[in-house]
PDB file of N, CA and C in Angstrom:
ATOM      1  N   MET A   1     125.598 122.546 132.845  1.00  0.00           N
ATOM      2  CA  MET A   1     126.354 122.596 131.601  1.00  0.00           C
ATOM      3  C   MET A   1     125.813 121.540 130.647  1.00  0.00           C
ATOM      4  N   ASP A   2     125.753 121.903 129.387  1.00  0.00           N
ATOM      5  CA  ASP A   2     125.314 120.979 128.350  1.00  0.00           C
ATOM      6  C   ASP A   2     126.533 120.253 127.795  1.00  0.00           C
ATOM      7  N   TYR A   3     126.707 119.002 128.189  1.00  0.00           N
ATOM      8  CA  TYR A   3     127.861 118.233 127.733  1.00  0.00           C
ATOM      9  C   TYR A   3     127.715 117.776 126.286  1.00  0.00           C
ATOM     10  N   GLY A   4     126.555 118.002 125.698  1.00  0.00           N
ATOM     11  CA  GLY A   4     126.352 117.675 124.297  1.00  0.00           C
ATOM     12  C   GLY A   4     127.291 118.426 123.375  1.00  0.00           C
ATOM     13  N   ARG A   5     127.797 119.553 123.846  1.00  0.00           N
ATOM     14  CA  ARG A   5     128.725 120.325 123.007  1.00  0.00           C
ATOM     15  C   ARG A   5     130.034 119.579 122.756  1.00  0.00           C
ATOM     16  N   PHE A   6     130.291 118.541 123.551  1.00  0.00           N
ATOM     17  CA  PHE A   6     131.513 117.757 123.378  1.00  0.00           C
ATOM     18  C   PHE A   6     131.311 116.542 122.478  1.00  0.00           C
ATOM     19  N   LEU A   7     130.102 116.351 121.996  1.00  0.00           N
ATOM     20  CA  LEU A   7     129.803 115.211 121.134  1.00  0.00           C
ATOM     21  C   LEU A   7     129.774 115.649 119.675  1.00  0.00           C
ATOM     22  N   THR A   8     130.114 114.727 118.793  1.00  0.00           N
ATOM     23  CA  THR A   8     129.992 115.037 117.373  1.00  0.00           C
ATOM     24  C   THR A   8     128.515 115.084 117.027  1.00  0.00           C
ATOM     25  N   ASP A   9     128.184 115.901 116.071  1.00  0.00           N
ATOM     26  CA  ASP A   9     126.809 115.988 115.607  1.00  0.00           C
ATOM     27  C   ASP A   9     126.811 116.331 114.128  1.00  0.00           C
ATOM     28  N   SER A  10     125.656 116.690 113.622  1.00  0.00           N
ATOM     29  CA  SER A  10     125.550 116.945 112.188  1.00  0.00           C
ATOM     30  C   SER A  10     125.614 118.428 111.836  1.00  0.00           C
ATOM     31  N   SER A  11     126.057 119.266 112.765  1.00  0.00           N
ATOM     32  CA  SER A  11     126.172 120.697 112.467  1.00  0.00           C
ATOM     33  C   SER A  11     127.265 120.925 111.433  1.00  0.00           C
ATOM     34  N   VAL A  12     126.913 121.651 110.393  1.00  0.00           N
ATOM     35  CA  VAL A  12     127.858 121.945 109.316  1.00  0.00           C
ATOM     36  C   VAL A  12     128.503 123.298 109.581  1.00  0.00           C
ATOM     37  N   ILE A  13     129.822 123.333 109.501  1.00  0.00           N
ATOM     38  CA  ILE A  13     130.586 124.564 109.701  1.00  0.00           C
ATOM     39  C   ILE A  13     131.160 124.964 108.351  1.00  0.00           C
ATOM     40  N   SER A  14     130.864 126.175 107.911  1.00  0.00           N
ATOM     41  CA  SER A  14     131.324 126.649 106.604  1.00  0.00           C
ATOM     42  C   SER A  14     132.485 127.614 106.764  1.00  0.00           C
ATOM     43  N   ARG A  15     133.415 127.522 105.852  1.00  0.00           N
ATOM     44  CA  ARG A  15     134.554 128.428 105.802  1.00  0.00           C
ATOM     45  C   ARG A  15     134.781 128.822 104.351  1.00  0.00           C
ATOM     46  N   SER A  16     135.383 129.977 104.159  1.00  0.00           N
ATOM     47  CA  SER A  16     135.811 130.397 102.830  1.00  0.00           C
ATOM     48  C   SER A  16     137.245 129.948 102.636  1.00  0.00           C
ATOM     49  N   ALA A  17     137.512 129.348 101.497  1.00  0.00           N
ATOM     50  CA  ALA A  17     138.863 128.909 101.153  1.00  0.00           C
ATOM     51  C   ALA A  17     139.323 129.688  99.931  1.00  0.00           C
ATOM     52  N   THR A  18     140.544 130.210  99.998  1.00  0.00           N
ATOM     53  CA  THR A  18     141.121 130.950  98.880  1.00  0.00           C
ATOM     54  C   THR A  18     142.144 130.053  98.184  1.00  0.00           C
ATOM     55  N   PHE A  19     141.957 129.871  96.894  1.00  0.00           N
ATOM     56  CA  PHE A  19     142.840 129.015  96.120  1.00  0.00           C
ATOM     57  C   PHE A  19     143.991 129.819  95.531  1.00  0.00           C
ATOM     58  N   SER A  20     145.003 129.111  95.035  1.00  0.00           N
ATOM     59  CA  SER A  20     146.209 129.777  94.534  1.00  0.00           C
ATOM     60  C   SER A  20     145.923 130.709  93.360  1.00  0.00           C
ATOM     61  N   ASP A  21     144.846 130.457  92.624  1.00  0.00           N
ATOM     62  CA  ASP A  21     144.509 131.339  91.499  1.00  0.00           C
ATOM     63  C   ASP A  21     143.661 132.533  91.932  1.00  0.00           C
ATOM     64  N   GLY A  22     143.419 132.657  93.229  1.00  0.00           N
ATOM     65  CA  GLY A  22     142.671 133.789  93.762  1.00  0.00           C
ATOM     66  C   GLY A  22     141.177 133.552  93.913  1.00  0.00           C
ATOM     67  N   THR A  23     140.680 132.442  93.381  1.00  0.00           N
ATOM     68  CA  THR A  23     139.251 132.169  93.539  1.00  0.00           C
ATOM     69  C   THR A  23     138.946 131.794  94.985  1.00  0.00           C
ATOM     70  N   VAL A  24     137.729 132.114  95.389  1.00  0.00           N
ATOM     71  CA  VAL A  24     137.280 131.829  96.749  1.00  0.00           C
ATOM     72  C   VAL A  24     136.041 130.950  96.661  1.00  0.00           C
ATOM     73  N   ALA A  25     135.982 129.936  97.497  1.00  0.00           N
ATOM     74  CA  ALA A  25     134.818 129.052  97.529  1.00  0.00           C
ATOM     75  C   ALA A  25     134.532 128.662  98.970  1.00  0.00           C
ATOM     76  N   ASP A  26     133.274 128.399  99.257  1.00  0.00           N
ATOM     77  CA  ASP A  26     132.910 127.909 100.583  1.00  0.00           C
ATOM     78  C   ASP A  26     133.176 126.416 100.648  1.00  0.00           C
ATOM     79  N   VAL A  27     133.737 125.982 101.753  1.00  0.00           N
ATOM     80  CA  VAL A  27     133.927 124.565 102.035  1.00  0.00           C
ATOM     81  C   VAL A  27     133.226 124.276 103.356  1.00  0.00           C
ATOM     82  N   HIS A  28     132.828 123.030 103.546  1.00  0.00           N
ATOM     83  CA  HIS A  28     131.977 122.682 104.676  1.00  0.00           C
ATOM     84  C   HIS A  28     132.559 121.490 105.432  1.00  0.00           C
ATOM     85  N   PHE A  29     132.467 121.565 106.751  1.00  0.00           N
ATOM     86  CA  PHE A  29     133.044 120.537 107.610  1.00  0.00           C
ATOM     87  C   PHE A  29     132.081 120.189 108.730  1.00  0.00           C
ATOM     88  N   ILE A  30     132.311 119.025 109.327  1.00  0.00           N
ATOM     89  CA  ILE A  30     131.727 118.684 110.610  1.00  0.00           C
ATOM     90  C   ILE A  30     132.893 118.523 111.576  1.00  0.00           C
ATOM     91  N   LYS A  31     132.625 118.636 112.863  1.00  0.00           N
ATOM     92  CA  LYS A  31     133.695 118.427 113.839  1.00  0.00           C
ATOM     93  C   LYS A  31     134.105 116.964 113.821  1.00  0.00           C
ATOM     94  N   CYS A  32     135.393 116.731 113.987  1.00  0.00           N
ATOM     95  CA  CYS A  32     135.897 115.360 113.953  1.00  0.00           C
ATOM     96  C   CYS A  32     135.593 114.643 115.263  1.00  0.00           C
ATOM     97  N   SER A  33     135.519 113.331 115.166  1.00  0.00           N
ATOM     98  CA  SER A  33     135.404 112.515 116.370  1.00  0.00           C
ATOM     99  C   SER A  33     136.799 112.370 116.973  1.00  0.00           C
ATOM    100  N   HIS A  34     136.837 112.001 118.230  1.00  0.00           N
ATOM    101  CA  HIS A  34     138.123 111.792 118.895  1.00  0.00           C
ATOM    102  C   HIS A  34     138.907 110.684 118.188  1.00  0.00           C
ATOM    103  N   LEU A  35     138.219 109.641 117.762  1.00  0.00           N
ATOM    104  CA  LEU A  35     138.884 108.532 117.078  1.00  0.00           C
ATOM    105  C   LEU A  35     139.562 108.995 115.793  1.00  0.00           C
ATOM    106  N   ASP A  36     138.864 109.808 114.993  1.00  0.00           N
ATOM    107  CA  ASP A  36     139.470 110.318 113.756  1.00  0.00           C
ATOM    108  C   ASP A  36     140.694 111.172 114.061  1.00  0.00           C
ATOM    109  N   PHE A  37     140.603 111.995 115.099  1.00  0.00           N
ATOM    110  CA  PHE A  37     141.743 112.831 115.454  1.00  0.00           C
ATOM    111  C   PHE A  37     142.915 111.984 115.930  1.00  0.00           C
ATOM    112  N   GLU A  38     142.662 110.995 116.769  1.00  0.00           N
ATOM    113  CA  GLU A  38     143.755 110.159 117.286  1.00  0.00           C
ATOM    114  C   GLU A  38     144.412 109.344 116.178  1.00  0.00           C
ATOM    115  N   ARG A  39     143.634 108.890 115.215  1.00  0.00           N
ATOM    116  CA  ARG A  39     144.229 108.192 114.062  1.00  0.00           C
ATOM    117  C   ARG A  39     145.165 109.131 113.307  1.00  0.00           C
ATOM    118  N   PHE A  40     144.714 110.351 113.113  1.00  0.00           N
ATOM    119  CA  PHE A  40     145.528 111.355 112.430  1.00  0.00           C
ATOM    120  C   PHE A  40     146.797 111.644 113.230  1.00  0.00           C
ATOM    121  N   ARG A  41     146.649 111.885 114.521  1.00  0.00           N
ATOM    122  CA  ARG A  41     147.782 112.230 115.377  1.00  0.00           C
ATOM    123  C   ARG A  41     148.797 111.089 115.443  1.00  0.00           C
ATOM    124  N   ALA A  42     148.318 109.871 115.573  1.00  0.00           N
ATOM    125  CA  ALA A  42     149.221 108.719 115.631  1.00  0.00           C
ATOM    126  C   ALA A  42     150.003 108.576 114.329  1.00  0.00           C
ATOM    127  N   SER A  43     149.336 108.786 113.210  1.00  0.00           N
ATOM    128  CA  SER A  43     150.013 108.678 111.915  1.00  0.00           C
ATOM    129  C   SER A  43     151.031 109.788 111.713  1.00  0.00           C
ATOM    130  N   GLU A  44     150.768 110.969 112.292  1.00  0.00           N
ATOM    131  CA  GLU A  44     151.732 112.069 112.186  1.00  0.00           C
ATOM    132  C   GLU A  44     153.070 111.714 112.820  1.00  0.00           C
ATOM    133  N   ASN A  45     153.067 110.795 113.771  1.00  0.00           N
ATOM    134  CA  ASN A  45     154.295 110.387 114.447  1.00  0.00           C
ATOM    135  C   ASN A  45     155.027 109.266 113.725  1.00  0.00           C
ATOM    136  N   SER A  46     154.511 108.835 112.594  1.00  0.00           N
ATOM    137  CA  SER A  46     155.130 107.761 111.830  1.00  0.00           C
ATOM    138  C   SER A  46     156.473 108.219 111.259  1.00  0.00           C
ATOM    139  N   THR A  47     157.374 107.280 111.113  1.00  0.00           N
ATOM    140  CA  THR A  47     158.659 107.579 110.474  1.00  0.00           C
ATOM    141  C   THR A  47     158.556 107.465 108.953  1.00  0.00           C
ATOM    142  N   ASN A  48     157.411 106.999 108.470  1.00  0.00           N
ATOM    143  CA  ASN A  48     157.184 106.861 107.038  1.00  0.00           C
ATOM    144  C   ASN A  48     156.429 108.095 106.536  1.00  0.00           C
ATOM    145  N   PRO A  49     157.070 108.942 105.724  1.00  0.00           N
ATOM    146  CA  PRO A  49     156.409 110.158 105.232  1.00  0.00           C
ATOM    147  C   PRO A  49     155.105 109.882 104.479  1.00  0.00           C
ATOM    148  N   ALA A  50     155.018 108.760 103.794  1.00  0.00           N
ATOM    149  CA  ALA A  50     153.786 108.430 103.065  1.00  0.00           C
ATOM    150  C   ALA A  50     152.619 108.221 104.029  1.00  0.00           C
ATOM    151  N   ASP A  51     152.884 107.616 105.189  1.00  0.00           N
ATOM    152  CA  ASP A  51     151.837 107.426 106.197  1.00  0.00           C
ATOM    153  C   ASP A  51     151.359 108.768 106.742  1.00  0.00           C
ATOM    154  N   VAL A  52     152.288 109.681 106.936  1.00  0.00           N
ATOM    155  CA  VAL A  52     151.951 111.014 107.453  1.00  0.00           C
ATOM    156  C   VAL A  52     151.045 111.737 106.464  1.00  0.00           C
ATOM    157  N   GLU A  53     151.416 111.721 105.197  1.00  0.00           N
ATOM    158  CA  GLU A  53     150.633 112.424 104.182  1.00  0.00           C
ATOM    159  C   GLU A  53     149.274 111.762 103.962  1.00  0.00           C
ATOM    160  N   ARG A  54     149.240 110.443 103.984  1.00  0.00           N
ATOM    161  CA  ARG A  54     147.964 109.740 103.806  1.00  0.00           C
ATOM    162  C   ARG A  54     147.018 110.045 104.965  1.00  0.00           C
ATOM    163  N   ALA A  55     147.557 110.190 106.157  1.00  0.00           N
ATOM    164  CA  ALA A  55     146.730 110.518 107.327  1.00  0.00           C
ATOM    165  C   ALA A  55     146.048 111.869 107.153  1.00  0.00           C
ATOM    166  N   LYS A  56     146.727 112.809 106.541  1.00  0.00           N
ATOM    167  CA  LYS A  56     146.125 114.125 106.290  1.00  0.00           C
ATOM    168  C   LYS A  56     144.920 113.978 105.368  1.00  0.00           C
ATOM    169  N   GLN A  57     145.089 113.199 104.303  1.00  0.00           N
ATOM    170  CA  GLN A  57     143.998 112.989 103.355  1.00  0.00           C
ATOM    171  C   GLN A  57     142.812 112.304 104.032  1.00  0.00           C
ATOM    172  N   ARG A  58     143.091 111.308 104.850  1.00  0.00           N
ATOM    173  CA  ARG A  58     142.019 110.582 105.540  1.00  0.00           C
ATOM    174  C   ARG A  58     141.288 111.473 106.536  1.00  0.00           C
ATOM    175  N   PHE A  59     142.026 112.322 107.225  1.00  0.00           N
ATOM    176  CA  PHE A  59     141.388 113.228 108.184  1.00  0.00           C
ATOM    177  C   PHE A  59     140.452 114.187 107.453  1.00  0.00           C
ATOM    178  N   ILE A  60     140.919 114.733 106.346  1.00  0.00           N
ATOM    179  CA  ILE A  60     140.069 115.635 105.557  1.00  0.00           C
ATOM    180  C   ILE A  60     138.799 114.905 105.126  1.00  0.00           C
ATOM    181  N   ALA A  61     138.936 113.680 104.625  1.00  0.00           N
ATOM    182  CA  ALA A  61     137.766 112.910 104.176  1.00  0.00           C
ATOM    183  C   ALA A  61     136.780 112.662 105.313  1.00  0.00           C
ATOM    184  N   ALA A  62     137.281 112.522 106.527  1.00  0.00           N
ATOM    185  CA  ALA A  62     136.410 112.244 107.674  1.00  0.00           C
ATOM    186  C   ALA A  62     135.537 113.432 108.043  1.00  0.00           C
ATOM    187  N   VAL A  63     135.997 114.650 107.745  1.00  0.00           N
ATOM    188  CA  VAL A  63     135.266 115.838 108.211  1.00  0.00           C
ATOM    189  C   VAL A  63     134.738 116.740 107.097  1.00  0.00           C
ATOM    190  N   LEU A  64     135.183 116.564 105.869  1.00  0.00           N
ATOM    191  CA  LEU A  64     134.713 117.391 104.754  1.00  0.00           C
ATOM    192  C   LEU A  64     133.334 116.906 104.314  1.00  0.00           C
ATOM    193  N   VAL A  65     132.382 117.825 104.261  1.00  0.00           N
ATOM    194  CA  VAL A  65     131.011 117.455 103.903  1.00  0.00           C
ATOM    195  C   VAL A  65     130.458 118.405 102.850  1.00  0.00           C
ATOM    196  N   ASN A  66     129.369 118.005 102.249  1.00  0.00           N
ATOM    197  CA  ASN A  66     128.604 118.869 101.362  1.00  0.00           C
ATOM    198  C   ASN A  66     127.775 119.816 102.227  1.00  0.00           C
ATOM    199  N   PRO A  67     127.217 120.867 101.637  1.00  0.00           N
ATOM    200  CA  PRO A  67     126.429 121.811 102.441  1.00  0.00           C
ATOM    201  C   PRO A  67     125.290 121.160 103.229  1.00  0.00           C
ATOM    202  N   ASP A  68     124.769 120.034 102.741  1.00  0.00           N
ATOM    203  CA  ASP A  68     123.669 119.365 103.447  1.00  0.00           C
ATOM    204  C   ASP A  68     124.153 118.404 104.524  1.00  0.00           C
ATOM    205  N   GLY A  69     125.474 118.315 104.720  1.00  0.00           N
ATOM    206  CA  GLY A  69     126.031 117.468 105.771  1.00  0.00           C
ATOM    207  C   GLY A  69     126.423 116.075 105.335  1.00  0.00           C
ATOM    208  N   THR A  70     126.157 115.714 104.090  1.00  0.00           N
ATOM    209  CA  THR A  70     126.578 114.401 103.600  1.00  0.00           C
ATOM    210  C   THR A  70     128.072 114.430 103.296  1.00  0.00           C
ATOM    211  N   ARG A  71     128.708 113.278 103.415  1.00  0.00           N
ATOM    212  CA  ARG A  71     130.152 113.210 103.172  1.00  0.00           C
ATOM    213  C   ARG A  71     130.490 113.676 101.768  1.00  0.00           C
ATOM    214  N   ALA A  72     131.540 114.472 101.659  1.00  0.00           N
ATOM    215  CA  ALA A  72     131.962 114.993 100.359  1.00  0.00           C
ATOM    216  C   ALA A  72     132.844 114.003  99.614  1.00  0.00           C
ATOM    217  N   MET A  73     133.545 113.155 100.351  1.00  0.00           N
ATOM    218  CA  MET A  73     134.405 112.157  99.708  1.00  0.00           C
ATOM    219  C   MET A  73     134.612 110.980 100.644  1.00  0.00           C
ATOM    220  N   SER A  74     134.857 109.845 100.043  1.00  0.00           N
ATOM    221  CA  SER A  74     135.140 108.648 100.833  1.00  0.00           C
ATOM    222  C   SER A  74     136.619 108.633 101.207  1.00  0.00           C
ATOM    223  N   ASP A  75     136.946 107.754 102.123  1.00  0.00           N
ATOM    224  CA  ASP A  75     138.344 107.570 102.499  1.00  0.00           C
ATOM    225  C   ASP A  75     139.165 107.172 101.276  1.00  0.00           C
ATOM    226  N   ASP A  76     138.621 106.281 100.454  1.00  0.00           N
ATOM    227  CA  ASP A  76     139.328 105.843  99.244  1.00  0.00           C
ATOM    228  C   ASP A  76     139.507 106.989  98.252  1.00  0.00           C
ATOM    229  N   ASP A  77     138.478 107.831  98.101  1.00  0.00           N
ATOM    230  CA  ASP A  77     138.570 108.967  97.175  1.00  0.00           C
ATOM    231  C   ASP A  77     139.572 110.015  97.643  1.00  0.00           C
ATOM    232  N   SER A  78     139.816 110.079  98.937  1.00  0.00           N
ATOM    233  CA  SER A  78     140.697 111.131  99.463  1.00  0.00           C
ATOM    234  C   SER A  78     142.132 111.017  98.961  1.00  0.00           C
ATOM    235  N   ILE A  79     142.512 109.852  98.478  1.00  0.00           N
ATOM    236  CA  ILE A  79     143.873 109.696  97.963  1.00  0.00           C
ATOM    237  C   ILE A  79     144.082 110.553  96.711  1.00  0.00           C
ATOM    238  N   LYS A  80     142.996 110.991  96.085  1.00  0.00           N
ATOM    239  CA  LYS A  80     143.076 111.830  94.891  1.00  0.00           C
ATOM    240  C   LYS A  80     143.268 113.309  95.216  1.00  0.00           C
ATOM    241  N   LEU A  81     143.235 113.674  96.498  1.00  0.00           N
ATOM    242  CA  LEU A  81     143.433 115.082  96.862  1.00  0.00           C
ATOM    243  C   LEU A  81     144.797 115.568  96.388  1.00  0.00           C
ATOM    244  N   THR A  82     144.816 116.758  95.828  1.00  0.00           N
ATOM    245  CA  THR A  82     146.068 117.355  95.367  1.00  0.00           C
ATOM    246  C   THR A  82     146.826 117.962  96.542  1.00  0.00           C
ATOM    247  N   ALA A  83     148.079 118.307  96.302  1.00  0.00           N
ATOM    248  CA  ALA A  83     148.871 118.980  97.338  1.00  0.00           C
ATOM    249  C   ALA A  83     148.215 120.302  97.723  1.00  0.00           C
ATOM    250  N   GLU A  84     147.708 121.035  96.726  1.00  0.00           N
ATOM    251  CA  GLU A  84     147.020 122.292  97.021  1.00  0.00           C
ATOM    252  C   GLU A  84     145.776 122.035  97.863  1.00  0.00           C
ATOM    253  N   GLY A  85     145.025 121.004  97.511  1.00  0.00           N
ATOM    254  CA  GLY A  85     143.824 120.674  98.265  1.00  0.00           C
ATOM    255  C   GLY A  85     144.121 120.389  99.725  1.00  0.00           C
ATOM    256  N   VAL A  86     145.158 119.591  99.968  1.00  0.00           N
ATOM    257  CA  VAL A  86     145.527 119.267 101.350  1.00  0.00           C
ATOM    258  C   VAL A  86     146.013 120.511 102.082  1.00  0.00           C
ATOM    259  N   SER A  87     146.831 121.328 101.417  1.00  0.00           N
ATOM    260  CA  SER A  87     147.380 122.510 102.101  1.00  0.00           C
ATOM    261  C   SER A  87     146.299 123.530 102.440  1.00  0.00           C
ATOM    262  N   ILE A  88     145.224 123.565 101.678  1.00  0.00           N
ATOM    263  CA  ILE A  88     144.119 124.487 101.966  1.00  0.00           C
ATOM    264  C   ILE A  88     143.137 123.868 102.957  1.00  0.00           C
ATOM    265  N   LEU A  89     142.771 122.616 102.741  1.00  0.00           N
ATOM    266  CA  LEU A  89     141.717 121.998 103.537  1.00  0.00           C
ATOM    267  C   LEU A  89     142.146 121.551 104.927  1.00  0.00           C
ATOM    268  N   LEU A  90     143.378 121.058 105.087  1.00  0.00           N
ATOM    269  CA  LEU A  90     143.780 120.528 106.394  1.00  0.00           C
ATOM    270  C   LEU A  90     143.721 121.575 107.501  1.00  0.00           C
ATOM    271  N   PRO A  91     144.293 122.765 107.320  1.00  0.00           N
ATOM    272  CA  PRO A  91     144.189 123.756 108.408  1.00  0.00           C
ATOM    273  C   PRO A  91     142.740 124.116 108.737  1.00  0.00           C
ATOM    274  N   LEU A  92     141.894 124.180 107.724  1.00  0.00           N
ATOM    275  CA  LEU A  92     140.483 124.485 107.961  1.00  0.00           C
ATOM    276  C   LEU A  92     139.789 123.334 108.686  1.00  0.00           C
ATOM    277  N   ALA A  93     140.126 122.106 108.320  1.00  0.00           N
ATOM    278  CA  ALA A  93     139.544 120.936 108.981  1.00  0.00           C
ATOM    279  C   ALA A  93     139.942 120.891 110.453  1.00  0.00           C
ATOM    280  N   LEU A  94     141.207 121.175 110.734  1.00  0.00           N
ATOM    281  CA  LEU A  94     141.673 121.184 112.124  1.00  0.00           C
ATOM    282  C   LEU A  94     141.042 122.326 112.907  1.00  0.00           C
ATOM    283  N   GLU A  95     140.916 123.470 112.273  1.00  0.00           N
ATOM    284  CA  GLU A  95     140.323 124.634 112.940  1.00  0.00           C
ATOM    285  C   GLU A  95     138.851 124.405 113.252  1.00  0.00           C
ATOM    286  N   THR A  96     138.091 123.930 112.284  1.00  0.00           N
ATOM    287  CA  THR A  96     136.659 123.749 112.507  1.00  0.00           C
ATOM    288  C   THR A  96     136.373 122.632 113.496  1.00  0.00           C
ATOM    289  N   SER A  97     137.335 121.743 113.706  1.00  0.00           N
ATOM    290  CA  SER A  97     137.187 120.698 114.716  1.00  0.00           C
ATOM    291  C   SER A  97     137.637 121.171 116.091  1.00  0.00           C
ATOM    292  N   GLY A  98     138.097 122.416 116.179  1.00  0.00           N
ATOM    293  CA  GLY A  98     138.503 122.971 117.463  1.00  0.00           C
ATOM    294  C   GLY A  98     139.883 122.542 117.916  1.00  0.00           C
ATOM    295  N   ILE A  99     140.685 122.020 117.001  1.00  0.00           N
ATOM    296  CA  ILE A  99     142.006 121.501 117.353  1.00  0.00           C
ATOM    297  C   ILE A  99     143.067 122.588 117.301  1.00  0.00           C
ATOM    298  N   ILE A 100     142.986 123.464 116.317  1.00  0.00           N
ATOM    299  CA  ILE A 100     143.921 124.583 116.210  1.00  0.00           C
ATOM    300  C   ILE A 100     143.137 125.865 116.011  1.00  0.00           C
ATOM    301  N   LYS A 101     143.781 126.968 116.260  1.00  0.00           N
ATOM    302  CA  LYS A 101     143.212 128.276 115.958  1.00  0.00           C
ATOM    303  C   LYS A 101     144.075 128.898 114.879  1.00  0.00           C
ATOM    304  N   ARG A 102     143.424 129.404 113.850  1.00  0.00           N
ATOM    305  CA  ARG A 102     144.140 130.013 112.733  1.00  0.00           C
ATOM    306  C   ARG A 102     144.766 131.318 113.193  1.00  0.00           C
ATOM    307  N   GLN A 103     146.067 131.475 112.948  1.00  0.00           N
ATOM    308  CA  GLN A 103     146.772 132.694 113.342  1.00  0.00           C
ATOM    309  C   GLN A 103     146.555 133.812 112.347  1.00  0.00           C
ATOM    310  N   ASP A 104     146.528 133.475 111.066  1.00  0.00           N
ATOM    311  CA  ASP A 104     146.399 134.490 110.023  1.00  0.00           C
ATOM    312  C   ASP A 104     145.222 134.139 109.137  1.00  0.00           C
ATOM    313  N   ALA A 105     144.104 134.816 109.343  1.00  0.00           N
ATOM    314  CA  ALA A 105     142.899 134.513 108.571  1.00  0.00           C
ATOM    315  C   ALA A 105     143.050 134.878 107.103  1.00  0.00           C
ATOM    316  N   GLY A 106     144.086 135.620 106.735  1.00  0.00           N
ATOM    317  CA  GLY A 106     144.270 136.026 105.354  1.00  0.00           C
ATOM    318  C   GLY A 106     145.119 135.080 104.540  1.00  0.00           C
ATOM    319  N   ASN A 107     145.572 133.963 105.128  1.00  0.00           N
ATOM    320  CA  ASN A 107     146.430 133.057 104.372  1.00  0.00           C
ATOM    321  C   ASN A 107     145.609 132.149 103.474  1.00  0.00           C
ATOM    322  N   ALA A 108     146.230 131.119 102.954  1.00  0.00           N
ATOM    323  CA  ALA A 108     145.584 130.252 101.969  1.00  0.00           C
ATOM    324  C   ALA A 108     144.268 129.670 102.451  1.00  0.00           C
ATOM    325  N   GLY A 109     144.091 129.575 103.755  1.00  0.00           N
ATOM    326  CA  GLY A 109     142.855 129.022 104.288  1.00  0.00           C
ATOM    327  C   GLY A 109     141.652 129.882 104.024  1.00  0.00           C
ATOM    328  N   GLY A 110     141.837 131.163 103.806  1.00  0.00           N
ATOM    329  CA  GLY A 110     140.733 132.016 103.412  1.00  0.00           C
ATOM    330  C   GLY A 110     140.072 132.779 104.525  1.00  0.00           C
ATOM    331  N   GLY A 111     138.764 132.896 104.429  1.00  0.00           N
ATOM    332  CA  GLY A 111     137.960 133.829 105.211  1.00  0.00           C
ATOM    333  C   GLY A 111     137.896 133.612 106.693  1.00  0.00           C
ATOM    334  N   GLU A 112     137.287 134.592 107.349  1.00  0.00           N
ATOM    335  CA  GLU A 112     137.251 134.623 108.792  1.00  0.00           C
ATOM    336  C   GLU A 112     135.924 134.165 109.372  1.00  0.00           C
ATOM    337  N   ALA A 113     134.852 134.293 108.638  1.00  0.00           N
ATOM    338  CA  ALA A 113     133.532 134.061 109.209  1.00  0.00           C
ATOM    339  C   ALA A 113     133.225 132.579 109.331  1.00  0.00           C
ATOM    340  N   GLU A 114     132.578 132.237 110.443  1.00  0.00           N
ATOM    341  CA  GLU A 114     132.132 130.868 110.650  1.00  0.00           C
ATOM    342  C   GLU A 114     130.621 130.854 110.609  1.00  0.00           C
ATOM    343  N   THR A 115     130.080 129.929 109.876  1.00  0.00           N
ATOM    344  CA  THR A 115     128.642 129.776 109.813  1.00  0.00           C
ATOM    345  C   THR A 115     128.323 128.346 110.187  1.00  0.00           C
ATOM    346  N   THR A 116     127.396 128.146 111.082  1.00  0.00           N
ATOM    347  CA  THR A 116     126.993 126.787 111.417  1.00  0.00           C
ATOM    348  C   THR A 116     125.530 126.619 111.085  1.00  0.00           C
ATOM    349  N   SER A 117     125.195 125.429 110.647  1.00  0.00           N
ATOM    350  CA  SER A 117     123.797 125.099 110.404  1.00  0.00           C
ATOM    351  C   SER A 117     123.605 123.646 110.763  1.00  0.00           C
ATOM    352  N   SER A 118     122.420 123.293 111.120  1.00  0.00           N
ATOM    353  CA  SER A 118     122.141 121.908 111.475  1.00  0.00           C
ATOM    354  C   SER A 118     121.687 121.176 110.227  1.00  0.00           C
ATOM    355  N   ALA A 119     122.374 120.095 109.921  1.00  0.00           N
ATOM    356  CA  ALA A 119     122.005 119.280 108.765  1.00  0.00           C
ATOM    357  C   ALA A 119     121.528 117.932 109.274  1.00  0.00           C
ATOM    358  N   SER A 120     120.662 117.317 108.544  1.00  0.00           N
ATOM    359  CA  SER A 120     120.167 116.019 108.981  1.00  0.00           C
ATOM    360  C   SER A 120     121.211 114.950 108.724  1.00  0.00           C
ATOM    361  N   SER A 121     121.227 113.955 109.591  1.00  0.00           N
ATOM    362  CA  SER A 121     122.170 112.856 109.436  1.00  0.00           C
ATOM    363  C   SER A 121     121.743 111.987 108.275  1.00  0.00           C
ATOM    364  N   PRO A 122     122.731 111.466 107.509  1.00  0.00           N
ATOM    365  CA  PRO A 122     122.386 110.620 106.359  1.00  0.00           C
ATOM    366  C   PRO A 122     121.774 109.316 106.778  1.00  0.00           C
TER     367      PRO A 122
END
């Protein structure tokens, strides 16, 4: 067995995202590291709603990339994500990291096809 499949790498996973105005765009992710996921999960258990919401933004920033695999936004920039952005990107980020499986491919998250490509590390 190739245990490399359990390690993070620079493979870019593309998904189609459907926005509230009906437009569709490709978004790109890398699989999250265990540390990024545990930070997100721990924050979800917070009694402070602001911590929970900020954790979502940080998780998205950790895995959202440009088509070439470079980070799409910094942790600091992620605070600018809109409610629509978080509601569309978070399920896709969790899905592409193998954490959840999308039940309804036709919802706000968009398309069904997964495309992977190898991008060079920055």
